[in-house]
Structure formats: C-alpha cells, structure tokens
Amino acid sequence: MNLNKLDHIAVICHDEQAALDFYVHKLGFEIQDRHQRPDKGDILFHLVCGPVVLELFIKPDAPNRVTGPEAAGLRHLAFHVADVEKKVKELAEKGIECEPIRHDTFTGEKMTFFFDPDHLPLELHE
C-alpha cells in the first residue's frame, strides 16, 4: 500500500459565511460543490486551490477546539509559499493578522502562523 498522495483535508467550521469569506474570498479557494446534509446536521463544501482540496464541514453546534495547537490530533495546516513576507502583506490587506515571521529551526526557512475563524492554526512556510 502506497500512501504517497494526500487526497483532501477536512476542516469543521461553525459559521458558513465566516468560513467561506475566509477560505474563498481571502485565501483564494474556489467552491467545487456544496451539499446540504440534514441526516448529518451539516453542510459540506469541497474547496479547491491548485492541488489542495479542503472538505469544509459547517456544523454550528460542533464543540470548540479543546486547546491550542499542542493538543493531540491535528496540530496545524501548512501551506508552502514562495515568499512568506509577500503573502503576509497580502493577508494583512484582507484583514488577516499573522504572527511575526520567524525562521524554522530545522530548515532555516521563513514561516509564520495565522488562524481561521474557528482558531485552527494555519502556517505559511517558505
């Protein structure tokens, strides 16, 4: 069995409008499809940006994230960018605040974090 390609990343969000504004209008993902799922109590969006596919589950009653990124489970999502400083400026113009840029202690490359509307940590990495 070869697990050499990521198929998608699933993210649960509380607010449909806030999630779509963030992921579509600010980060540049495109809506591939939308599925109302009354049996599951949620709405499922498939969002795409290049080869990245996000499954966005809208569940207003989902429990909040237990703690910060050091809890067991998914720590953060990291997006590779050619120029972290440029992307930070682009995000700032869209009202998204990033942490100060720092260097990855293992690779020496620039990186920073920001958060989605439900406080999921997202990373930009050069």
Protein backbone atom coordinates (compact mmCIF):
# COMPACT_ATOMS: atom_id res chain seq x y z
CA MET A 1 0.00 0.00 0.00
CA ASN A 2 1.42 3.39 -1.02
CA LEU A 3 0.18 6.41 0.86
CA ASN A 4 2.10 8.89 -1.25
CA LYS A 5 -0.57 11.42 -2.16
CA LEU A 6 -2.84 13.46 0.09
CA ASP A 7 -6.44 13.33 -1.10
CA HIS A 8 -8.05 16.10 0.95
CA ILE A 9 -8.04 17.89 4.30
CA ALA A 10 -11.24 18.08 6.34
CA VAL A 11 -11.97 21.15 8.47
CA ILE A 12 -15.02 21.69 10.70
CA CYS A 13 -16.27 25.27 10.98
CA HIS A 14 -19.12 26.83 12.93
CA ASP A 15 -20.23 29.68 10.69
CA GLU A 16 -20.80 29.20 6.95
CA GLN A 17 -20.43 32.84 5.95
CA ALA A 18 -17.31 33.42 8.04
CA ALA A 19 -15.69 30.20 6.77
CA LEU A 20 -16.45 30.95 3.11
CA ASP A 21 -15.30 34.55 3.45
CA PHE A 22 -12.03 33.33 4.94
CA TYR A 23 -11.22 30.32 2.76
CA VAL A 24 -12.74 31.53 -0.53
CA HIS A 25 -12.56 35.31 -0.56
CA LYS A 26 -9.40 35.78 1.48
CA LEU A 27 -7.30 32.65 0.86
CA GLY A 28 -8.39 32.09 -2.76
CA PHE A 29 -10.01 28.66 -2.66
CA GLU A 30 -12.82 28.00 -5.13
CA ILE A 31 -16.08 26.26 -4.28
CA GLN A 32 -16.25 22.99 -6.20
CA ASP A 33 -19.59 21.89 -4.73
CA ARG A 34 -21.97 22.27 -1.77
CA HIS A 35 -24.03 19.53 -0.14
CA GLN A 36 -26.74 20.12 2.45
CA ARG A 37 -26.72 17.01 4.67
CA PRO A 38 -29.73 17.07 7.01
CA ASP A 39 -29.06 13.50 8.15
CA LYS A 40 -25.61 14.59 9.43
CA GLY A 41 -26.68 18.04 10.62
CA ASP A 42 -24.11 19.81 8.49
CA ILE A 43 -23.27 21.35 5.14
CA LEU A 44 -20.27 20.01 3.20
CA PHE A 45 -18.27 22.14 0.79
CA HIS A 46 -15.42 20.92 -1.38
CA LEU A 47 -12.98 23.78 -1.89
CA VAL A 48 -10.01 23.66 -4.26
CA CYS A 49 -6.90 25.76 -4.74
CA GLY A 50 -4.45 24.18 -7.16
CA PRO A 51 -3.83 20.64 -5.98
CA VAL A 52 -5.16 21.32 -2.45
CA VAL A 53 -8.69 20.08 -1.67
CA LEU A 54 -10.44 21.11 1.54
CA GLU A 55 -13.59 19.44 2.78
CA LEU A 56 -15.26 22.20 4.76
CA PHE A 57 -17.92 20.90 7.14
CA ILE A 58 -20.24 23.58 8.50
CA LYS A 59 -21.52 22.40 11.90
CA PRO A 60 -22.81 25.28 14.05
CA ASP A 61 -23.09 23.00 17.09
CA ALA A 62 -19.64 21.38 16.80
CA PRO A 63 -17.64 21.55 20.03
CA ASN A 64 -14.87 24.14 20.12
CA ARG A 65 -11.24 23.11 19.78
CA VAL A 66 -10.17 21.79 23.17
CA THR A 67 -6.90 23.76 23.49
CA GLY A 68 -4.28 25.40 21.38
CA PRO A 69 -2.22 23.61 18.74
CA GLU A 70 -0.38 21.42 21.25
CA ALA A 71 -3.43 19.17 21.89
CA ALA A 72 -3.34 15.64 20.49
CA GLY A 73 -4.58 15.36 16.91
CA LEU A 74 -4.10 17.77 14.03
CA ARG A 75 -1.58 20.41 15.04
CA HIS A 76 -1.92 22.79 12.07
CA LEU A 77 -2.18 23.01 8.29
CA ALA A 78 0.89 24.36 6.50
CA PHE A 79 0.83 25.97 3.06
CA HIS A 80 4.01 26.33 1.03
CA VAL A 81 4.51 29.79 -0.46
CA ALA A 82 7.37 31.22 -2.48
CA ASP A 83 7.60 34.41 -0.38
CA VAL A 84 6.28 34.48 3.19
CA GLU A 85 6.72 38.25 3.58
CA LYS A 86 4.73 38.95 0.42
CA LYS A 87 1.93 36.58 1.46
CA VAL A 88 1.76 38.12 4.94
CA LYS A 89 1.28 41.55 3.34
CA GLU A 90 -1.45 40.16 1.05
CA LEU A 91 -3.24 38.61 4.01
CA ALA A 92 -2.93 41.83 6.04
CA GLU A 93 -4.62 43.72 3.19
CA LYS A 94 -7.53 41.27 3.58
CA GLY A 95 -7.72 41.76 7.34
CA ILE A 96 -5.90 38.56 8.32
CA GLU A 97 -3.30 39.07 11.03
CA CYS A 98 -0.24 36.82 11.10
CA GLU A 99 2.21 36.17 13.89
CA PRO A 100 5.69 37.68 13.46
CA ILE A 101 7.74 35.95 10.77
CA ARG A 102 10.40 33.65 12.17
CA HIS A 103 12.83 31.05 10.87
CA ASP A 104 12.15 27.32 11.14
CA THR A 105 14.82 25.97 13.50
CA PHE A 106 15.27 22.82 11.39
CA THR A 107 15.26 24.22 7.84
CA GLY A 108 16.16 27.88 8.37
CA GLU A 109 13.22 28.84 6.12
CA LYS A 110 10.82 31.65 6.92
CA MET A 111 7.46 30.79 8.46
CA THR A 112 4.52 32.29 10.28
CA PHE A 113 1.12 31.31 11.65
CA PHE A 114 -2.38 32.73 11.35
CA PHE A 115 -5.81 31.40 12.32
CA ASP A 116 -9.09 30.64 10.62
CA PRO A 117 -12.39 31.95 12.09
CA ASP A 118 -12.61 28.88 14.38
CA HIS A 119 -9.00 29.34 15.54
CA LEU A 120 -7.50 26.46 13.53
CA PRO A 121 -3.77 27.25 13.25
CA LEU A 122 -2.59 27.71 9.66
CA GLU A 123 1.06 28.09 8.68
CA LEU A 124 2.81 29.78 5.80
CA HIS A 125 6.17 28.15 5.08
CA GLU A 126 8.78 29.15 2.50
